[in-house]
Amino acid sequence: MTRNHRGSPIASTADVLLVQEALQHAGLYDGPIDGIPGARTMVALRAYKRRENLRGDNGFGRELIEHVRAAS
């Protein structure tokens, strides 16, 4: 996974789409499935991570992507 200048993971558009669909399916996201991690996506992402007891960072890290893929 590519990282930005601060060392945070940068998710691919495909990964963001996957997560947005999972968040929508979980009832946490009502925004567009567009592959852009905007404010609504990030709010829903934090709620999902809390609910699923995933790490508390704000990013689309490997743990999150693997969790969403396994749950799909």
PDB file of N, CA and C in Angstrom:
ATOM      1  N   MET A   1       0.847  -1.169   0.000  1.00  0.00           N
ATOM      2  CA  MET A   1       0.000   0.000   0.000  1.00  0.00           C
ATOM      3  C   MET A   1       0.895   1.234   0.000  1.00  0.00           C
ATOM      4  N   THR A   2       0.568   2.184  -0.824  1.00  0.00           N
ATOM      5  CA  THR A   2       1.308   3.431  -0.912  1.00  0.00           C
ATOM      6  C   THR A   2       1.050   4.274   0.333  1.00  0.00           C
ATOM      7  N   ARG A   3       2.027   5.090   0.706  1.00  0.00           N
ATOM      8  CA  ARG A   3       1.890   5.949   1.885  1.00  0.00           C
ATOM      9  C   ARG A   3       2.106   7.409   1.494  1.00  0.00           C
ATOM     10  N   ASN A   4       1.437   8.310   2.225  1.00  0.00           N
ATOM     11  CA  ASN A   4       1.627   9.736   1.960  1.00  0.00           C
ATOM     12  C   ASN A   4       2.871  10.246   2.680  1.00  0.00           C
ATOM     13  N   HIS A   5       3.112  11.535   2.610  1.00  0.00           N
ATOM     14  CA  HIS A   5       4.324  12.117   3.193  1.00  0.00           C
ATOM     15  C   HIS A   5       4.380  11.995   4.723  1.00  0.00           C
ATOM     16  N   ARG A   6       3.263  11.734   5.378  1.00  0.00           N
ATOM     17  CA  ARG A   6       3.243  11.545   6.832  1.00  0.00           C
ATOM     18  C   ARG A   6       3.310  10.069   7.208  1.00  0.00           C
ATOM     19  N   GLY A   7       3.364   9.204   6.226  1.00  0.00           N
ATOM     20  CA  GLY A   7       3.457   7.778   6.496  1.00  0.00           C
ATOM     21  C   GLY A   7       2.121   7.060   6.590  1.00  0.00           C
ATOM     22  N   SER A   8       1.022   7.778   6.373  1.00  0.00           N
ATOM     23  CA  SER A   8      -0.299   7.162   6.423  1.00  0.00           C
ATOM     24  C   SER A   8      -0.588   6.433   5.115  1.00  0.00           C
ATOM     25  N   PRO A   9      -1.299   5.307   5.203  1.00  0.00           N
ATOM     26  CA  PRO A   9      -1.625   4.568   3.978  1.00  0.00           C
ATOM     27  C   PRO A   9      -2.552   5.366   3.067  1.00  0.00           C
ATOM     28  N   ILE A  10      -2.315   5.255   1.771  1.00  0.00           N
ATOM     29  CA  ILE A  10      -3.194   5.853   0.769  1.00  0.00           C
ATOM     30  C   ILE A  10      -3.924   4.705   0.095  1.00  0.00           C
ATOM     31  N   ALA A  11      -5.214   4.689   0.234  1.00  0.00           N
ATOM     32  CA  ALA A  11      -6.011   3.613  -0.339  1.00  0.00           C
ATOM     33  C   ALA A  11      -6.237   3.851  -1.825  1.00  0.00           C
ATOM     34  N   SER A  12      -6.337   2.774  -2.547  1.00  0.00           N
ATOM     35  CA  SER A  12      -6.678   2.877  -3.967  1.00  0.00           C
ATOM     36  C   SER A  12      -8.159   3.221  -4.092  1.00  0.00           C
ATOM     37  N   THR A  13      -8.529   3.715  -5.256  1.00  0.00           N
ATOM     38  CA  THR A  13      -9.938   4.023  -5.510  1.00  0.00           C
ATOM     39  C   THR A  13     -10.789   2.770  -5.331  1.00  0.00           C
ATOM     40  N   ALA A  14     -10.293   1.637  -5.773  1.00  0.00           N
ATOM     41  CA  ALA A  14     -11.040   0.378  -5.636  1.00  0.00           C
ATOM     42  C   ALA A  14     -11.261   0.041  -4.161  1.00  0.00           C
ATOM     43  N   ASP A  15     -10.258   0.264  -3.325  1.00  0.00           N
ATOM     44  CA  ASP A  15     -10.417  -0.006  -1.892  1.00  0.00           C
ATOM     45  C   ASP A  15     -11.420   0.944  -1.261  1.00  0.00           C
ATOM     46  N   VAL A  16     -11.382   2.214  -1.649  1.00  0.00           N
ATOM     47  CA  VAL A  16     -12.344   3.179  -1.105  1.00  0.00           C
ATOM     48  C   VAL A  16     -13.758   2.795  -1.531  1.00  0.00           C
ATOM     49  N   LEU A  17     -13.928   2.392  -2.788  1.00  0.00           N
ATOM     50  CA  LEU A  17     -15.247   1.943  -3.248  1.00  0.00           C
ATOM     51  C   LEU A  17     -15.739   0.753  -2.430  1.00  0.00           C
ATOM     52  N   LEU A  18     -14.860  -0.207  -2.201  1.00  0.00           N
ATOM     53  CA  LEU A  18     -15.201  -1.391  -1.411  1.00  0.00           C
ATOM     54  C   LEU A  18     -15.648  -0.995  -0.010  1.00  0.00           C
ATOM     55  N   VAL A  19     -14.896  -0.109   0.621  1.00  0.00           N
ATOM     56  CA  VAL A  19     -15.226   0.320   1.979  1.00  0.00           C
ATOM     57  C   VAL A  19     -16.523   1.125   1.987  1.00  0.00           C
ATOM     58  N   GLN A  20     -16.704   2.006   1.031  1.00  0.00           N
ATOM     59  CA  GLN A  20     -17.955   2.773   0.975  1.00  0.00           C
ATOM     60  C   GLN A  20     -19.161   1.854   0.843  1.00  0.00           C
ATOM     61  N   GLU A  21     -19.050   0.839   0.019  1.00  0.00           N
ATOM     62  CA  GLU A  21     -20.158  -0.119  -0.128  1.00  0.00           C
ATOM     63  C   GLU A  21     -20.414  -0.853   1.177  1.00  0.00           C
ATOM     64  N   ALA A  22     -19.353  -1.256   1.867  1.00  0.00           N
ATOM     65  CA  ALA A  22     -19.502  -1.952   3.144  1.00  0.00           C
ATOM     66  C   ALA A  22     -20.124  -1.032   4.191  1.00  0.00           C
ATOM     67  N   LEU A  23     -19.702   0.219   4.213  1.00  0.00           N
ATOM     68  CA  LEU A  23     -20.260   1.180   5.164  1.00  0.00           C
ATOM     69  C   LEU A  23     -21.735   1.428   4.889  1.00  0.00           C
ATOM     70  N   GLN A  24     -22.078   1.512   3.619  1.00  0.00           N
ATOM     71  CA  GLN A  24     -23.478   1.702   3.244  1.00  0.00           C
ATOM     72  C   GLN A  24     -24.310   0.484   3.645  1.00  0.00           C
ATOM     73  N   HIS A  25     -23.779  -0.698   3.372  1.00  0.00           N
ATOM     74  CA  HIS A  25     -24.468  -1.934   3.737  1.00  0.00           C
ATOM     75  C   HIS A  25     -24.658  -2.032   5.255  1.00  0.00           C
ATOM     76  N   ALA A  26     -23.695  -1.513   6.009  1.00  0.00           N
ATOM     77  CA  ALA A  26     -23.761  -1.537   7.475  1.00  0.00           C
ATOM     78  C   ALA A  26     -24.689  -0.448   8.030  1.00  0.00           C
ATOM     79  N   GLY A  27     -25.234   0.391   7.143  1.00  0.00           N
ATOM     80  CA  GLY A  27     -26.143   1.444   7.579  1.00  0.00           C
ATOM     81  C   GLY A  27     -25.443   2.658   8.168  1.00  0.00           C
ATOM     82  N   LEU A  28     -24.167   2.803   7.886  1.00  0.00           N
ATOM     83  CA  LEU A  28     -23.396   3.902   8.466  1.00  0.00           C
ATOM     84  C   LEU A  28     -23.097   5.027   7.468  1.00  0.00           C
ATOM     85  N   TYR A  29     -23.370   4.789   6.193  1.00  0.00           N
ATOM     86  CA  TYR A  29     -22.989   5.746   5.154  1.00  0.00           C
ATOM     87  C   TYR A  29     -24.117   5.880   4.150  1.00  0.00           C
ATOM     88  N   ASP A  30     -24.517   7.139   3.895  1.00  0.00           N
ATOM     89  CA  ASP A  30     -25.576   7.359   2.917  1.00  0.00           C
ATOM     90  C   ASP A  30     -25.118   8.250   1.764  1.00  0.00           C
ATOM     91  N   GLY A  31     -23.812   8.394   1.635  1.00  0.00           N
ATOM     92  CA  GLY A  31     -23.259   9.219   0.564  1.00  0.00           C
ATOM     93  C   GLY A  31     -23.070   8.424  -0.715  1.00  0.00           C
ATOM     94  N   PRO A  32     -22.499   9.073  -1.703  1.00  0.00           N
ATOM     95  CA  PRO A  32     -22.271   8.409  -2.989  1.00  0.00           C
ATOM     96  C   PRO A  32     -21.148   7.375  -2.904  1.00  0.00           C
ATOM     97  N   ILE A  33     -21.289   6.323  -3.670  1.00  0.00           N
ATOM     98  CA  ILE A  33     -20.234   5.318  -3.813  1.00  0.00           C
ATOM     99  C   ILE A  33     -19.396   5.803  -4.996  1.00  0.00           C
ATOM    100  N   ASP A  34     -18.385   6.613  -4.682  1.00  0.00           N
ATOM    101  CA  ASP A  34     -17.628   7.278  -5.738  1.00  0.00           C
ATOM    102  C   ASP A  34     -16.113   7.099  -5.638  1.00  0.00           C
ATOM    103  N   GLY A  35     -15.657   6.391  -4.621  1.00  0.00           N
ATOM    104  CA  GLY A  35     -14.220   6.166  -4.480  1.00  0.00           C
ATOM    105  C   GLY A  35     -13.447   7.336  -3.913  1.00  0.00           C
ATOM    106  N   ILE A  36     -14.163   8.359  -3.473  1.00  0.00           N
ATOM    107  CA  ILE A  36     -13.522   9.545  -2.893  1.00  0.00           C
ATOM    108  C   ILE A  36     -13.772   9.543  -1.387  1.00  0.00           C
ATOM    109  N   PRO A  37     -12.718   9.486  -0.574  1.00  0.00           N
ATOM    110  CA  PRO A  37     -12.899   9.442   0.873  1.00  0.00           C
ATOM    111  C   PRO A  37     -13.163  10.824   1.463  1.00  0.00           C
ATOM    112  N   GLY A  38     -14.363  11.325   1.251  1.00  0.00           N
ATOM    113  CA  GLY A  38     -14.740  12.638   1.757  1.00  0.00           C
ATOM    114  C   GLY A  38     -15.156  12.595   3.221  1.00  0.00           C
ATOM    115  N   ALA A  39     -15.694  13.690   3.691  1.00  0.00           N
ATOM    116  CA  ALA A  39     -16.040  13.835   5.105  1.00  0.00           C
ATOM    117  C   ALA A  39     -17.051  12.782   5.570  1.00  0.00           C
ATOM    118  N   ARG A  40     -18.098  12.538   4.792  1.00  0.00           N
ATOM    119  CA  ARG A  40     -19.105  11.538   5.208  1.00  0.00           C
ATOM    120  C   ARG A  40     -18.512  10.142   5.253  1.00  0.00           C
ATOM    121  N   THR A  41     -17.635   9.840   4.310  1.00  0.00           N
ATOM    122  CA  THR A  41     -16.973   8.534   4.317  1.00  0.00           C
ATOM    123  C   THR A  41     -16.134   8.382   5.579  1.00  0.00           C
ATOM    124  N   MET A  42     -15.402   9.419   5.934  1.00  0.00           N
ATOM    125  CA  MET A  42     -14.514   9.335   7.085  1.00  0.00           C
ATOM    126  C   MET A  42     -15.281   9.244   8.407  1.00  0.00           C
ATOM    127  N   VAL A  43     -16.402   9.939   8.526  1.00  0.00           N
ATOM    128  CA  VAL A  43     -17.241   9.832   9.730  1.00  0.00           C
ATOM    129  C   VAL A  43     -17.768   8.409   9.861  1.00  0.00           C
ATOM    130  N   ALA A  44     -18.267   7.868   8.759  1.00  0.00           N
ATOM    131  CA  ALA A  44     -18.785   6.501   8.767  1.00  0.00           C
ATOM    132  C   ALA A  44     -17.665   5.502   9.043  1.00  0.00           C
ATOM    133  N   LEU A  45     -16.495   5.757   8.506  1.00  0.00           N
ATOM    134  CA  LEU A  45     -15.354   4.870   8.722  1.00  0.00           C
ATOM    135  C   LEU A  45     -14.986   4.797  10.205  1.00  0.00           C
ATOM    136  N   ARG A  46     -14.946   5.945  10.872  1.00  0.00           N
ATOM    137  CA  ARG A  46     -14.638   5.950  12.310  1.00  0.00           C
ATOM    138  C   ARG A  46     -15.690   5.184  13.098  1.00  0.00           C
ATOM    139  N   ALA A  47     -16.966   5.356  12.750  1.00  0.00           N
ATOM    140  CA  ALA A  47     -18.040   4.635  13.435  1.00  0.00           C
ATOM    141  C   ALA A  47     -17.909   3.128  13.212  1.00  0.00           C
ATOM    142  N   TYR A  48     -17.586   2.750  11.997  1.00  0.00           N
ATOM    143  CA  TYR A  48     -17.413   1.327  11.668  1.00  0.00           C
ATOM    144  C   TYR A  48     -16.258   0.731  12.457  1.00  0.00           C
ATOM    145  N   LYS A  49     -15.159   1.441  12.523  1.00  0.00           N
ATOM    146  CA  LYS A  49     -13.993   0.942  13.255  1.00  0.00           C
ATOM    147  C   LYS A  49     -14.301   0.783  14.742  1.00  0.00           C
ATOM    148  N   ARG A  50     -15.044   1.730  15.303  1.00  0.00           N
ATOM    149  CA  ARG A  50     -15.444   1.601  16.716  1.00  0.00           C
ATOM    150  C   ARG A  50     -16.313   0.366  16.904  1.00  0.00           C
ATOM    151  N   ARG A  51     -17.286   0.208  16.026  1.00  0.00           N
ATOM    152  CA  ARG A  51     -18.226  -0.903  16.141  1.00  0.00           C
ATOM    153  C   ARG A  51     -17.544  -2.254  15.979  1.00  0.00           C
ATOM    154  N   GLU A  52     -16.563  -2.323  15.106  1.00  0.00           N
ATOM    155  CA  GLU A  52     -15.879  -3.583  14.814  1.00  0.00           C
ATOM    156  C   GLU A  52     -14.598  -3.769  15.632  1.00  0.00           C
ATOM    157  N   ASN A  53     -14.336  -2.853  16.567  1.00  0.00           N
ATOM    158  CA  ASN A  53     -13.137  -2.914  17.409  1.00  0.00           C
ATOM    159  C   ASN A  53     -11.850  -2.971  16.600  1.00  0.00           C
ATOM    160  N   LEU A  54     -11.779  -2.135  15.579  1.00  0.00           N
ATOM    161  CA  LEU A  54     -10.572  -2.019  14.768  1.00  0.00           C
ATOM    162  C   LEU A  54      -9.757  -0.838  15.277  1.00  0.00           C
ATOM    163  N   ARG A  55      -8.516  -0.782  14.873  1.00  0.00           N
ATOM    164  CA  ARG A  55      -7.632   0.310  15.307  1.00  0.00           C
ATOM    165  C   ARG A  55      -8.277   1.664  15.083  1.00  0.00           C
ATOM    166  N   GLY A  56      -7.986   2.579  15.971  1.00  0.00           N
ATOM    167  CA  GLY A  56      -8.646   3.870  15.973  1.00  0.00           C
ATOM    168  C   GLY A  56      -8.124   4.917  15.019  1.00  0.00           C
ATOM    169  N   ASP A  57      -7.158   4.587  14.151  1.00  0.00           N
ATOM    170  CA  ASP A  57      -6.676   5.624  13.241  1.00  0.00           C
ATOM    171  C   ASP A  57      -7.748   5.963  12.216  1.00  0.00           C
ATOM    172  N   ASN A  58      -7.559   7.042  11.509  1.00  0.00           N
ATOM    173  CA  ASN A  58      -8.557   7.505  10.541  1.00  0.00           C
ATOM    174  C   ASN A  58      -8.345   6.964   9.140  1.00  0.00           C
ATOM    175  N   GLY A  59      -7.313   6.166   8.943  1.00  0.00           N
ATOM    176  CA  GLY A  59      -6.949   5.769   7.586  1.00  0.00           C
ATOM    177  C   GLY A  59      -7.593   4.497   7.089  1.00  0.00           C
ATOM    178  N   PHE A  60      -7.330   4.246   5.830  1.00  0.00           N
ATOM    179  CA  PHE A  60      -7.753   3.033   5.148  1.00  0.00           C
ATOM    180  C   PHE A  60      -6.590   2.050   5.180  1.00  0.00           C
ATOM    181  N   GLY A  61      -6.192   1.655   6.358  1.00  0.00           N
ATOM    182  CA  GLY A  61      -5.051   0.765   6.498  1.00  0.00           C
ATOM    183  C   GLY A  61      -5.362  -0.667   6.086  1.00  0.00           C
ATOM    184  N   ARG A  62      -4.303  -1.449   6.058  1.00  0.00           N
ATOM    185  CA  ARG A  62      -4.404  -2.845   5.632  1.00  0.00           C
ATOM    186  C   ARG A  62      -5.395  -3.637   6.492  1.00  0.00           C
ATOM    187  N   GLU A  63      -5.386  -3.399   7.811  1.00  0.00           N
ATOM    188  CA  GLU A  63      -6.293  -4.122   8.704  1.00  0.00           C
ATOM    189  C   GLU A  63      -7.749  -3.878   8.317  1.00  0.00           C
ATOM    190  N   LEU A  64      -8.105  -2.632   8.036  1.00  0.00           N
ATOM    191  CA  LEU A  64      -9.467  -2.309   7.643  1.00  0.00           C
ATOM    192  C   LEU A  64      -9.845  -2.981   6.329  1.00  0.00           C
ATOM    193  N   ILE A  65      -8.995  -2.838   5.337  1.00  0.00           N
ATOM    194  CA  ILE A  65      -9.290  -3.414   4.014  1.00  0.00           C
ATOM    195  C   ILE A  65      -9.456  -4.931   4.114  1.00  0.00           C
ATOM    196  N   GLU A  66      -8.571  -5.574   4.839  1.00  0.00           N
ATOM    197  CA  GLU A  66      -8.679  -7.039   5.001  1.00  0.00           C
ATOM    198  C   GLU A  66      -9.953  -7.412   5.746  1.00  0.00           C
ATOM    199  N   HIS A  67     -10.315  -6.642   6.750  1.00  0.00           N
ATOM    200  CA  HIS A  67     -11.546  -6.909   7.511  1.00  0.00           C
ATOM    201  C   HIS A  67     -12.770  -6.796   6.601  1.00  0.00           C
ATOM    202  N   VAL A  68     -12.820  -5.729   5.813  1.00  0.00           N
ATOM    203  CA  VAL A  68     -13.971  -5.510   4.929  1.00  0.00           C
ATOM    204  C   VAL A  68     -14.041  -6.612   3.879  1.00  0.00           C
ATOM    205  N   ARG A  69     -12.904  -6.987   3.313  1.00  0.00           N
ATOM    206  CA  ARG A  69     -12.906  -8.067   2.311  1.00  0.00           C
ATOM    207  C   ARG A  69     -13.389  -9.374   2.926  1.00  0.00           C
ATOM    208  N   ALA A  70     -12.954  -9.683   4.139  1.00  0.00           N
ATOM    209  CA  ALA A  70     -13.359 -10.930   4.795  1.00  0.00           C
ATOM    210  C   ALA A  70     -14.845 -10.924   5.122  1.00  0.00           C
ATOM    211  N   ALA A  71     -15.389  -9.754   5.433  1.00  0.00           N
ATOM    212  CA  ALA A  71     -16.795  -9.659   5.793  1.00  0.00           C
ATOM    213  C   ALA A  71     -17.712  -9.648   4.564  1.00  0.00           C
ATOM    214  N   SER A  72     -17.139  -9.412   3.390  1.00  0.00           N
ATOM    215  CA  SER A  72     -17.961  -9.317   2.159  1.00  0.00           C
ATOM    216  C   SER A  72     -18.396 -10.681   1.675  1.00  0.00           C
TER     217      SER A  72
END
